Amino acid sequence: MKNISQLFLVFIFIFSGQLMAADLASAKSTGIIGEQANGYIGFVKVAPNDVKQLVKSVNAKRKAKYKQIAKNQKISLGDVEKIGGKKTIAKTKSGNYVKRVGEGWSKK
C-alpha cells in the first residue's frame, strides 16, 4: 500500500507541472502574448516564467524553420520572417493581440 501511495504522489508531481505549464492558445487568449509582424511571438504584458519559457521555445523553433526555408528558397531570413509574420497574424483568432509593422499591440 505504501508503494502505491508513493507511486501516486510521484505521478501527481510529474503531471502537475504539465497541467500548470502554459500553452500557447491560452496565453494568447488571456492577452499575455501576441503575434508580431516580424514572425515571432511577443509579450503584450508582463508574463510569468512558464510563459516566457514557452515563447522562447516557440520562437527558437520558428527561427530554425525560417532559416531552413530561407536557405531552401535562397531568400533572406528577413523576408521569410516577414512572410511568417503576415501568415501568423492572418491566422490569429479574433480577440487576440497582434502587432503590425509600425503599430503597437491591438486586438484583432
PDB file of N, CA and C in Angstrom:
ATOM      1  N   MET A   1       0.822  -1.199   0.000  1.00  0.00           N
ATOM      2  CA  MET A   1       0.000   0.000   0.000  1.00  0.00           C
ATOM      3  C   MET A   1       0.861   1.254   0.000  1.00  0.00           C
ATOM      4  N   LYS A   2       1.955   1.225   0.769  1.00  0.00           N
ATOM      5  CA  LYS A   2       2.838   2.378   0.845  1.00  0.00           C
ATOM      6  C   LYS A   2       3.445   2.675  -0.529  1.00  0.00           C
ATOM      7  N   ASN A   3       3.822   1.626  -1.264  1.00  0.00           N
ATOM      8  CA  ASN A   3       4.396   1.809  -2.595  1.00  0.00           C
ATOM      9  C   ASN A   3       3.395   2.434  -3.556  1.00  0.00           C
ATOM     10  N   ILE A   4       2.141   2.034  -3.451  1.00  0.00           N
ATOM     11  CA  ILE A   4       1.098   2.599  -4.307  1.00  0.00           C
ATOM     12  C   ILE A   4       0.912   4.076  -3.994  1.00  0.00           C
ATOM     13  N   SER A   5       0.926   4.446  -2.726  1.00  0.00           N
ATOM     14  CA  SER A   5       0.797   5.843  -2.323  1.00  0.00           C
ATOM     15  C   SER A   5       1.964   6.668  -2.836  1.00  0.00           C
ATOM     16  N   GLN A   6       3.162   6.138  -2.722  1.00  0.00           N
ATOM     17  CA  GLN A   6       4.335   6.853  -3.209  1.00  0.00           C
ATOM     18  C   GLN A   6       4.297   6.998  -4.723  1.00  0.00           C
ATOM     19  N   LEU A   7       3.894   5.949  -5.398  1.00  0.00           N
ATOM     20  CA  LEU A   7       3.789   5.998  -6.851  1.00  0.00           C
ATOM     21  C   LEU A   7       2.763   7.037  -7.278  1.00  0.00           C
ATOM     22  N   PHE A   8       1.645   7.072  -6.568  1.00  0.00           N
ATOM     23  CA  PHE A   8       0.612   8.056  -6.858  1.00  0.00           C
ATOM     24  C   PHE A   8       1.150   9.477  -6.685  1.00  0.00           C
ATOM     25  N   LEU A   9       1.898   9.728  -5.619  1.00  0.00           N
ATOM     26  CA  LEU A   9       2.482  11.053  -5.384  1.00  0.00           C
ATOM     27  C   LEU A   9       3.483  11.436  -6.477  1.00  0.00           C
ATOM     28  N   VAL A  10       4.284  10.487  -6.896  1.00  0.00           N
ATOM     29  CA  VAL A  10       5.231  10.747  -7.988  1.00  0.00           C
ATOM     30  C   VAL A  10       4.473  11.085  -9.264  1.00  0.00           C
ATOM     31  N   PHE A  11       3.432  10.326  -9.535  1.00  0.00           N
ATOM     32  CA  PHE A  11       2.605  10.561 -10.713  1.00  0.00           C
ATOM     33  C   PHE A  11       2.007  11.976 -10.679  1.00  0.00           C
ATOM     34  N   ILE A  12       1.450  12.347  -9.554  1.00  0.00           N
ATOM     35  CA  ILE A  12       0.861  13.682  -9.396  1.00  0.00           C
ATOM     36  C   ILE A  12       1.926  14.761  -9.597  1.00  0.00           C
ATOM     37  N   PHE A  13       3.093  14.572  -9.021  1.00  0.00           N
ATOM     38  CA  PHE A  13       4.172  15.552  -9.129  1.00  0.00           C
ATOM     39  C   PHE A  13       4.605  15.734 -10.584  1.00  0.00           C
ATOM     40  N   ILE A  14       4.757  14.637 -11.287  1.00  0.00           N
ATOM     41  CA  ILE A  14       5.209  14.704 -12.680  1.00  0.00           C
ATOM     42  C   ILE A  14       4.192  15.421 -13.557  1.00  0.00           C
ATOM     43  N   PHE A  15       2.940  15.079 -13.415  1.00  0.00           N
ATOM     44  CA  PHE A  15       1.932  15.638 -14.294  1.00  0.00           C
ATOM     45  C   PHE A  15       1.395  16.991 -13.856  1.00  0.00           C
ATOM     46  N   SER A  16       1.612  17.383 -12.630  1.00  0.00           N
ATOM     47  CA  SER A  16       1.133  18.699 -12.194  1.00  0.00           C
ATOM     48  C   SER A  16       1.876  19.806 -12.917  1.00  0.00           C
ATOM     49  N   GLY A  17       3.144  19.614 -13.195  1.00  0.00           N
ATOM     50  CA  GLY A  17       3.912  20.605 -13.941  1.00  0.00           C
ATOM     51  C   GLY A  17       3.388  20.770 -15.342  1.00  0.00           C
ATOM     52  N   GLN A  18       2.990  19.677 -15.955  1.00  0.00           N
ATOM     53  CA  GLN A  18       2.448  19.754 -17.300  1.00  0.00           C
ATOM     54  C   GLN A  18       1.083  20.411 -17.304  1.00  0.00           C
ATOM     55  N   LEU A  19       0.296  20.157 -16.285  1.00  0.00           N
ATOM     56  CA  LEU A  19      -1.019  20.768 -16.217  1.00  0.00           C
ATOM     57  C   LEU A  19      -0.937  22.267 -15.976  1.00  0.00           C
ATOM     58  N   MET A  20       0.057  22.694 -15.226  1.00  0.00           N
ATOM     59  CA  MET A  20       0.191  24.105 -14.891  1.00  0.00           C
ATOM     60  C   MET A  20       0.970  24.891 -15.939  1.00  0.00           C
ATOM     61  N   ALA A  21       1.760  24.215 -16.729  1.00  0.00           N
ATOM     62  CA  ALA A  21       2.556  24.901 -17.737  1.00  0.00           C
ATOM     63  C   ALA A  21       1.637  25.577 -18.743  1.00  0.00           C
ATOM     64  N   ALA A  22       2.063  26.739 -19.168  1.00  0.00           N
ATOM     65  CA  ALA A  22       1.259  27.499 -20.113  1.00  0.00           C
ATOM     66  C   ALA A  22       1.229  26.823 -21.465  1.00  0.00           C
ATOM     67  N   ASP A  23       0.117  26.982 -22.146  1.00  0.00           N
ATOM     68  CA  ASP A  23       0.083  26.575 -23.537  1.00  0.00           C
ATOM     69  C   ASP A  23      -0.158  27.828 -24.376  1.00  0.00           C
ATOM     70  N   LEU A  24       0.242  27.759 -25.609  1.00  0.00           N
ATOM     71  CA  LEU A  24       0.227  28.919 -26.494  1.00  0.00           C
ATOM     72  C   LEU A  24      -1.163  29.525 -26.632  1.00  0.00           C
ATOM     73  N   ALA A  25      -2.153  28.712 -26.876  1.00  0.00           N
ATOM     74  CA  ALA A  25      -3.510  29.222 -27.099  1.00  0.00           C
ATOM     75  C   ALA A  25      -4.048  29.972 -25.888  1.00  0.00           C
ATOM     76  N   SER A  26      -3.843  29.425 -24.691  1.00  0.00           N
ATOM     77  CA  SER A  26      -4.378  30.108 -23.509  1.00  0.00           C
ATOM     78  C   SER A  26      -3.597  31.387 -23.214  1.00  0.00           C
ATOM     79  N   ALA A  27      -2.292  31.378 -23.461  1.00  0.00           N
ATOM     80  CA  ALA A  27      -1.506  32.594 -23.243  1.00  0.00           C
ATOM     81  C   ALA A  27      -1.930  33.695 -24.214  1.00  0.00           C
ATOM     82  N   LYS A  28      -2.282  33.299 -25.424  1.00  0.00           N
ATOM     83  CA  LYS A  28      -2.776  34.284 -26.398  1.00  0.00           C
ATOM     84  C   LYS A  28      -4.159  34.786 -25.999  1.00  0.00           C
ATOM     85  N   SER A  29      -5.040  33.867 -25.628  1.00  0.00           N
ATOM     86  CA  SER A  29      -6.417  34.261 -25.315  1.00  0.00           C
ATOM     87  C   SER A  29      -6.518  35.119 -24.066  1.00  0.00           C
ATOM     88  N   THR A  30      -5.570  34.989 -23.155  1.00  0.00           N
ATOM     89  CA  THR A  30      -5.583  35.836 -21.964  1.00  0.00           C
ATOM     90  C   THR A  30      -4.886  37.176 -22.188  1.00  0.00           C
ATOM     91  N   GLY A  31      -4.320  37.369 -23.379  1.00  0.00           N
ATOM     92  CA  GLY A  31      -3.721  38.652 -23.723  1.00  0.00           C
ATOM     93  C   GLY A  31      -2.312  38.855 -23.205  1.00  0.00           C
ATOM     94  N   ILE A  32      -1.651  37.787 -22.807  1.00  0.00           N
ATOM     95  CA  ILE A  32      -0.275  37.903 -22.313  1.00  0.00           C
ATOM     96  C   ILE A  32       0.704  38.034 -23.469  1.00  0.00           C
ATOM     97  N   ILE A  33       0.444  37.289 -24.543  1.00  0.00           N
ATOM     98  CA  ILE A  33       1.323  37.293 -25.713  1.00  0.00           C
ATOM     99  C   ILE A  33       0.501  37.507 -26.974  1.00  0.00           C
ATOM    100  N   GLY A  34       1.213  37.830 -28.047  1.00  0.00           N
ATOM    101  CA  GLY A  34       0.548  38.006 -29.330  1.00  0.00           C
ATOM    102  C   GLY A  34       1.513  37.784 -30.475  1.00  0.00           C
ATOM    103  N   GLU A  35       0.971  37.774 -31.670  1.00  0.00           N
ATOM    104  CA  GLU A  35       1.772  37.585 -32.880  1.00  0.00           C
ATOM    105  C   GLU A  35       2.264  38.932 -33.387  1.00  0.00           C
ATOM    106  N   GLN A  36       3.493  38.934 -33.888  1.00  0.00           N
ATOM    107  CA  GLN A  36       4.116  40.151 -34.384  1.00  0.00           C
ATOM    108  C   GLN A  36       4.410  40.052 -35.882  1.00  0.00           C
ATOM    109  N   ALA A  37       4.523  41.204 -36.523  1.00  0.00           N
ATOM    110  CA  ALA A  37       4.813  41.269 -37.954  1.00  0.00           C
ATOM    111  C   ALA A  37       6.178  40.683 -38.294  1.00  0.00           C
ATOM    112  N   ASN A  38       7.058  40.578 -37.309  1.00  0.00           N
ATOM    113  CA  ASN A  38       8.393  40.027 -37.562  1.00  0.00           C
ATOM    114  C   ASN A  38       8.411  38.504 -37.562  1.00  0.00           C
ATOM    115  N   GLY A  39       7.233  37.879 -37.389  1.00  0.00           N
ATOM    116  CA  GLY A  39       7.132  36.430 -37.449  1.00  0.00           C
ATOM    117  C   GLY A  39       7.295  35.718 -36.122  1.00  0.00           C
ATOM    118  N   TYR A  40       7.458  36.467 -35.066  1.00  0.00           N
ATOM    119  CA  TYR A  40       7.691  35.868 -33.755  1.00  0.00           C
ATOM    120  C   TYR A  40       6.614  36.306 -32.772  1.00  0.00           C
ATOM    121  N   ILE A  41       6.522  35.573 -31.673  1.00  0.00           N
ATOM    122  CA  ILE A  41       5.584  35.903 -30.608  1.00  0.00           C
ATOM    123  C   ILE A  41       6.238  36.959 -29.717  1.00  0.00           C
ATOM    124  N   GLY A  42       5.445  37.894 -29.256  1.00  0.00           N
ATOM    125  CA  GLY A  42       5.951  38.921 -28.350  1.00  0.00           C
ATOM    126  C   GLY A  42       5.072  39.027 -27.115  1.00  0.00           C
ATOM    127  N   PHE A  43       5.580  39.745 -26.147  1.00  0.00           N
ATOM    128  CA  PHE A  43       4.864  39.923 -24.882  1.00  0.00           C
ATOM    129  C   PHE A  43       4.032  41.200 -24.925  1.00  0.00           C
ATOM    130  N   VAL A  44       2.748  41.038 -24.727  1.00  0.00           N
ATOM    131  CA  VAL A  44       1.831  42.172 -24.671  1.00  0.00           C
ATOM    132  C   VAL A  44       1.921  42.822 -23.298  1.00  0.00           C
ATOM    133  N   LYS A  45       2.070  41.985 -22.279  1.00  0.00           N
ATOM    134  CA  LYS A  45       2.219  42.459 -20.902  1.00  0.00           C
ATOM    135  C   LYS A  45       3.159  41.523 -20.160  1.00  0.00           C
ATOM    136  N   VAL A  46       3.433  41.841 -18.929  1.00  0.00           N
ATOM    137  CA  VAL A  46       4.347  41.040 -18.116  1.00  0.00           C
ATOM    138  C   VAL A  46       3.845  39.598 -18.060  1.00  0.00           C
ATOM    139  N   ALA A  47       4.773  38.675 -18.270  1.00  0.00           N
ATOM    140  CA  ALA A  47       4.409  37.262 -18.335  1.00  0.00           C
ATOM    141  C   ALA A  47       5.086  36.466 -17.236  1.00  0.00           C
ATOM    142  N   PRO A  48       4.414  35.429 -16.745  1.00  0.00           N
ATOM    143  CA  PRO A  48       5.052  34.535 -15.767  1.00  0.00           C
ATOM    144  C   PRO A  48       6.163  33.733 -16.458  1.00  0.00           C
ATOM    145  N   ASN A  49       7.016  33.135 -15.662  1.00  0.00           N
ATOM    146  CA  ASN A  49       8.176  32.420 -16.192  1.00  0.00           C
ATOM    147  C   ASN A  49       7.817  31.283 -17.136  1.00  0.00           C
ATOM    148  N   ASP A  50       6.729  30.557 -16.856  1.00  0.00           N
ATOM    149  CA  ASP A  50       6.385  29.450 -17.755  1.00  0.00           C
ATOM    150  C   ASP A  50       6.000  29.955 -19.139  1.00  0.00           C
ATOM    151  N   VAL A  51       5.354  31.113 -19.199  1.00  0.00           N
ATOM    152  CA  VAL A  51       5.007  31.701 -20.494  1.00  0.00           C
ATOM    153  C   VAL A  51       6.268  32.210 -21.193  1.00  0.00           C
ATOM    154  N   LYS A  52       7.174  32.800 -20.428  1.00  0.00           N
ATOM    155  CA  LYS A  52       8.436  33.263 -21.023  1.00  0.00           C
ATOM    156  C   LYS A  52       9.203  32.107 -21.657  1.00  0.00           C
ATOM    157  N   GLN A  53       9.250  30.994 -20.958  1.00  0.00           N
ATOM    158  CA  GLN A  53       9.943  29.816 -21.487  1.00  0.00           C
ATOM    159  C   GLN A  53       9.231  29.271 -22.730  1.00  0.00           C
ATOM    160  N   LEU A  54       7.914  29.278 -22.708  1.00  0.00           N
ATOM    161  CA  LEU A  54       7.145  28.823 -23.859  1.00  0.00           C
ATOM    162  C   LEU A  54       7.439  29.685 -25.076  1.00  0.00           C
ATOM    163  N   VAL A  55       7.410  30.991 -24.904  1.00  0.00           N
ATOM    164  CA  VAL A  55       7.676  31.921 -26.006  1.00  0.00           C
ATOM    165  C   VAL A  55       9.097  31.732 -26.533  1.00  0.00           C
ATOM    166  N   LYS A  56      10.047  31.591 -25.628  1.00  0.00           N
ATOM    167  CA  LYS A  56      11.434  31.375 -26.035  1.00  0.00           C
ATOM    168  C   LYS A  56      11.557  30.113 -26.885  1.00  0.00           C
ATOM    169  N   SER A  57      10.908  29.055 -26.463  1.00  0.00           N
ATOM    170  CA  SER A  57      10.955  27.783 -27.178  1.00  0.00           C
ATOM    171  C   SER A  57      10.289  27.885 -28.553  1.00  0.00           C
ATOM    172  N   VAL A  58       9.099  28.456 -28.593  1.00  0.00           N
ATOM    173  CA  VAL A  58       8.370  28.577 -29.858  1.00  0.00           C
ATOM    174  C   VAL A  58       9.140  29.466 -30.834  1.00  0.00           C
ATOM    175  N   ASN A  59       9.652  30.593 -30.346  1.00  0.00           N
ATOM    176  CA  ASN A  59      10.396  31.495 -31.221  1.00  0.00           C
ATOM    177  C   ASN A  59      11.678  30.858 -31.747  1.00  0.00           C
ATOM    178  N   ALA A  60      12.343  30.060 -30.936  1.00  0.00           N
ATOM    179  CA  ALA A  60      13.556  29.356 -31.390  1.00  0.00           C
ATOM    180  C   ALA A  60      13.205  28.356 -32.495  1.00  0.00           C
ATOM    181  N   LYS A  61      12.105  27.654 -32.324  1.00  0.00           N
ATOM    182  CA  LYS A  61      11.670  26.695 -33.352  1.00  0.00           C
ATOM    183  C   LYS A  61      11.280  27.420 -34.637  1.00  0.00           C
ATOM    184  N   ARG A  62      10.595  28.543 -34.488  1.00  0.00           N
ATOM    185  CA  ARG A  62      10.223  29.315 -35.676  1.00  0.00           C
ATOM    186  C   ARG A  62      11.463  29.804 -36.417  1.00  0.00           C
ATOM    187  N   LYS A  63      12.415  30.320 -35.658  1.00  0.00           N
ATOM    188  CA  LYS A  63      13.635  30.846 -36.290  1.00  0.00           C
ATOM    189  C   LYS A  63      14.371  29.739 -37.047  1.00  0.00           C
ATOM    190  N   ALA A  64      14.458  28.568 -36.455  1.00  0.00           N
ATOM    191  CA  ALA A  64      15.116  27.447 -37.132  1.00  0.00           C
ATOM    192  C   ALA A  64      14.379  27.106 -38.426  1.00  0.00           C
ATOM    193  N   LYS A  65      13.060  27.095 -38.366  1.00  0.00           N
ATOM    194  CA  LYS A  65      12.263  26.795 -39.563  1.00  0.00           C
ATOM    195  C   LYS A  65      12.424  27.897 -40.605  1.00  0.00           C
ATOM    196  N   TYR A  66      12.402  29.156 -40.172  1.00  0.00           N
ATOM    197  CA  TYR A  66      12.582  30.277 -41.090  1.00  0.00           C
ATOM    198  C   TYR A  66      13.946  30.205 -41.784  1.00  0.00           C
ATOM    199  N   LYS A  67      14.979  29.859 -41.016  1.00  0.00           N
ATOM    200  CA  LYS A  67      16.319  29.734 -41.604  1.00  0.00           C
ATOM    201  C   LYS A  67      16.353  28.637 -42.664  1.00  0.00           C
ATOM    202  N   GLN A  68      15.690  27.533 -42.366  1.00  0.00           N
ATOM    203  CA  GLN A  68      15.645  26.420 -43.312  1.00  0.00           C
ATOM    204  C   GLN A  68      14.929  26.842 -44.595  1.00  0.00           C
ATOM    205  N   ILE A  69      13.816  27.525 -44.462  1.00  0.00           N
ATOM    206  CA  ILE A  69      13.064  27.998 -45.623  1.00  0.00           C
ATOM    207  C   ILE A  69      13.898  28.985 -46.422  1.00  0.00           C
ATOM    208  N   ALA A  70      14.546  29.919 -45.728  1.00  0.00           N
ATOM    209  CA  ALA A  70      15.373  30.923 -46.406  1.00  0.00           C
ATOM    210  C   ALA A  70      16.482  30.252 -47.221  1.00  0.00           C
ATOM    211  N   LYS A  71      17.105  29.267 -46.635  1.00  0.00           N
ATOM    212  CA  LYS A  71      18.183  28.552 -47.321  1.00  0.00           C
ATOM    213  C   LYS A  71      17.642  27.810 -48.544  1.00  0.00           C
ATOM    214  N   ASN A  72      16.541  27.096 -48.366  1.00  0.00           N
ATOM    215  CA  ASN A  72      15.957  26.324 -49.462  1.00  0.00           C
ATOM    216  C   ASN A  72      15.445  27.201 -50.597  1.00  0.00           C
ATOM    217  N   GLN A  73      14.875  28.342 -50.244  1.00  0.00           N
ATOM    218  CA  GLN A  73      14.301  29.244 -51.244  1.00  0.00           C
ATOM    219  C   GLN A  73      15.302  30.281 -51.762  1.00  0.00           C
ATOM    220  N   LYS A  74      16.475  30.308 -51.133  1.00  0.00           N
ATOM    221  CA  LYS A  74      17.539  31.267 -51.494  1.00  0.00           C
ATOM    222  C   LYS A  74      17.051  32.715 -51.403  1.00  0.00           C
ATOM    223  N   ILE A  75      16.397  32.994 -50.265  1.00  0.00           N
ATOM    224  CA  ILE A  75      15.963  34.356 -49.951  1.00  0.00           C
ATOM    225  C   ILE A  75      16.448  34.695 -48.554  1.00  0.00           C
ATOM    226  N   SER A  76      16.340  35.962 -48.185  1.00  0.00           N
ATOM    227  CA  SER A  76      16.865  36.382 -46.885  1.00  0.00           C
ATOM    228  C   SER A  76      15.978  35.903 -45.739  1.00  0.00           C
ATOM    229  N   LEU A  77      16.615  35.743 -44.591  1.00  0.00           N
ATOM    230  CA  LEU A  77      15.883  35.383 -43.381  1.00  0.00           C
ATOM    231  C   LEU A  77      14.828  36.436 -43.079  1.00  0.00           C
ATOM    232  N   GLY A  78      15.177  37.701 -43.259  1.00  0.00           N
ATOM    233  CA  GLY A  78      14.239  38.795 -43.007  1.00  0.00           C
ATOM    234  C   GLY A  78      12.977  38.695 -43.847  1.00  0.00           C
ATOM    235  N   ASP A  79      13.144  38.298 -45.108  1.00  0.00           N
ATOM    236  CA  ASP A  79      11.972  38.134 -45.980  1.00  0.00           C
ATOM    237  C   ASP A  79      11.081  36.992 -45.495  1.00  0.00           C
ATOM    238  N   VAL A  80      11.687  35.903 -45.081  1.00  0.00           N
ATOM    239  CA  VAL A  80      10.919  34.771 -44.575  1.00  0.00           C
ATOM    240  C   VAL A  80      10.205  35.158 -43.289  1.00  0.00           C
ATOM    241  N   GLU A  81      10.873  35.899 -42.412  1.00  0.00           N
ATOM    242  CA  GLU A  81      10.250  36.344 -41.160  1.00  0.00           C
ATOM    243  C   GLU A  81       9.031  37.224 -41.447  1.00  0.00           C
ATOM    244  N   LYS A  82       9.144  38.119 -42.415  1.00  0.00           N
ATOM    245  CA  LYS A  82       8.013  38.989 -42.768  1.00  0.00           C
ATOM    246  C   LYS A  82       6.831  38.174 -43.290  1.00  0.00           C
ATOM    247  N   ILE A  83       7.125  37.196 -44.138  1.00  0.00           N
ATOM    248  CA  ILE A  83       6.067  36.324 -44.659  1.00  0.00           C
ATOM    249  C   ILE A  83       5.437  35.536 -43.508  1.00  0.00           C
ATOM    250  N   GLY A  84       6.282  35.024 -42.619  1.00  0.00           N
ATOM    251  CA  GLY A  84       5.786  34.300 -41.446  1.00  0.00           C
ATOM    252  C   GLY A  84       4.899  35.178 -40.583  1.00  0.00           C
ATOM    253  N   GLY A  85       5.310  36.419 -40.399  1.00  0.00           N
ATOM    254  CA  GLY A  85       4.513  37.361 -39.614  1.00  0.00           C
ATOM    255  C   GLY A  85       3.146  37.604 -40.216  1.00  0.00           C
ATOM    256  N   LYS A  86       3.110  37.803 -41.535  1.00  0.00           N
ATOM    257  CA  LYS A  86       1.825  38.019 -42.213  1.00  0.00           C
ATOM    258  C   LYS A  86       0.919  36.809 -42.054  1.00  0.00           C
ATOM    259  N   LYS A  87       1.507  35.615 -42.203  1.00  0.00           N
ATOM    260  CA  LYS A  87       0.697  34.393 -42.099  1.00  0.00           C
ATOM    261  C   LYS A  87       0.176  34.178 -40.677  1.00  0.00           C
ATOM    262  N   THR A  88       1.038  34.382 -39.680  1.00  0.00           N
ATOM    263  CA  THR A  88       0.579  34.141 -38.303  1.00  0.00           C
ATOM    264  C   THR A  88      -0.440  35.188 -37.860  1.00  0.00           C
ATOM    265  N   ILE A  89      -0.269  36.415 -38.301  1.00  0.00           N
ATOM    266  CA  ILE A  89      -1.264  37.448 -37.977  1.00  0.00           C
ATOM    267  C   ILE A  89      -2.589  37.120 -38.654  1.00  0.00           C
ATOM    268  N   ALA A  90      -2.528  36.667 -39.894  1.00  0.00           N
ATOM    269  CA  ALA A  90      -3.761  36.304 -40.613  1.00  0.00           C
ATOM    270  C   ALA A  90      -4.485  35.153 -39.916  1.00  0.00           C
ATOM    271  N   LYS A  91      -3.725  34.230 -39.325  1.00  0.00           N
ATOM    272  CA  LYS A  91      -4.320  33.067 -38.651  1.00  0.00           C
ATOM    273  C   LYS A  91      -4.752  33.362 -37.217  1.00  0.00           C
ATOM    274  N   THR A  92      -4.347  34.504 -36.681  1.00  0.00           N
ATOM    275  CA  THR A  92      -4.663  34.833 -35.296  1.00  0.00           C
ATOM    276  C   THR A  92      -6.166  34.988 -35.107  1.00  0.00           C
ATOM    277  N   LYS A  93      -6.661  34.392 -34.036  1.00  0.00           N
ATOM    278  CA  LYS A  93      -8.091  34.450 -33.736  1.00  0.00           C
ATOM    279  C   LYS A  93      -8.514  35.869 -33.376  1.00  0.00           C
ATOM    280  N   SER A  94      -9.731  36.184 -33.698  1.00  0.00           N
ATOM    281  CA  SER A  94     -10.322  37.456 -33.320  1.00  0.00           C
ATOM    282  C   SER A  94     -10.298  37.587 -31.796  1.00  0.00           C
ATOM    283  N   GLY A  95      -9.898  38.749 -31.321  1.00  0.00           N
ATOM    284  CA  GLY A  95      -9.822  38.985 -29.878  1.00  0.00           C
ATOM    285  C   GLY A  95      -8.431  38.804 -29.309  1.00  0.00           C
ATOM    286  N   ASN A  96      -7.544  38.142 -30.063  1.00  0.00           N
ATOM    287  CA  ASN A  96      -6.155  38.002 -29.620  1.00  0.00           C
ATOM    288  C   ASN A  96      -5.344  39.196 -30.121  1.00  0.00           C
ATOM    289  N   TYR A  97      -4.178  39.379 -29.538  1.00  0.00           N
ATOM    290  CA  TYR A  97      -3.359  40.540 -29.863  1.00  0.00           C
ATOM    291  C   TYR A  97      -2.415  40.287 -31.022  1.00  0.00           C
ATOM    292  N   VAL A  98      -2.245  41.357 -31.831  1.00  0.00           N
ATOM    293  CA  VAL A  98      -1.286  41.362 -32.931  1.00  0.00           C
ATOM    294  C   VAL A  98      -0.529  42.686 -32.909  1.00  0.00           C
ATOM    295  N   LYS A  99       0.672  42.651 -33.478  1.00  0.00           N
ATOM    296  CA  LYS A  99       1.485  43.859 -33.583  1.00  0.00           C
ATOM    297  C   LYS A  99       1.964  43.956 -35.021  1.00  0.00           C
ATOM    298  N   ARG A 100       1.295  44.834 -35.772  1.00  0.00           N
ATOM    299  CA  ARG A 100       1.625  45.025 -37.179  1.00  0.00           C
ATOM    300  C   ARG A 100       2.786  46.004 -37.312  1.00  0.00           C
ATOM    301  N   VAL A 101       3.374  46.053 -38.501  1.00  0.00           N
ATOM    302  CA  VAL A 101       4.516  46.933 -38.761  1.00  0.00           C
ATOM    303  C   VAL A 101       4.145  48.375 -38.443  1.00  0.00           C
ATOM    304  N   GLY A 102       4.977  49.034 -37.646  1.00  0.00           N
ATOM    305  CA  GLY A 102       4.778  50.433 -37.313  1.00  0.00           C
ATOM    306  C   GLY A 102       3.636  50.722 -36.350  1.00  0.00           C
ATOM    307  N   GLU A 103       3.066  49.707 -35.770  1.00  0.00           N
ATOM    308  CA  GLU A 103       1.940  49.894 -34.856  1.00  0.00           C
ATOM    309  C   GLU A 103       2.259  49.260 -33.502  1.00  0.00           C
ATOM    310  N   GLY A 104       1.449  49.597 -32.526  1.00  0.00           N
ATOM    311  CA  GLY A 104       1.543  48.948 -31.223  1.00  0.00           C
ATOM    312  C   GLY A 104       0.626  47.746 -31.185  1.00  0.00           C
ATOM    313  N   TRP A 105       0.506  47.159 -30.022  1.00  0.00           N
ATOM    314  CA  TRP A 105      -0.362  46.000 -29.857  1.00  0.00           C
ATOM    315  C   TRP A 105      -1.820  46.410 -30.014  1.00  0.00           C
ATOM    316  N   SER A 106      -2.591  45.579 -30.724  1.00  0.00           N
ATOM    317  CA  SER A 106      -4.021  45.813 -30.842  1.00  0.00           C
ATOM    318  C   SER A 106      -4.732  44.467 -30.932  1.00  0.00           C
ATOM    319  N   LYS A 107      -5.997  44.465 -30.531  1.00  0.00           N
ATOM    320  CA  LYS A 107      -6.793  43.244 -30.643  1.00  0.00           C
ATOM    321  C   LYS A 107      -7.227  43.088 -32.087  1.00  0.00           C
ATOM    322  N   LYS A 108      -7.164  41.871 -32.543  1.00  0.00           N
ATOM    323  CA  LYS A 108      -7.580  41.583 -33.911  1.00  0.00           C
ATOM    324  C   LYS A 108      -9.098  41.502 -33.969  1.00  0.00           C
TER     325      LYS A 108
END
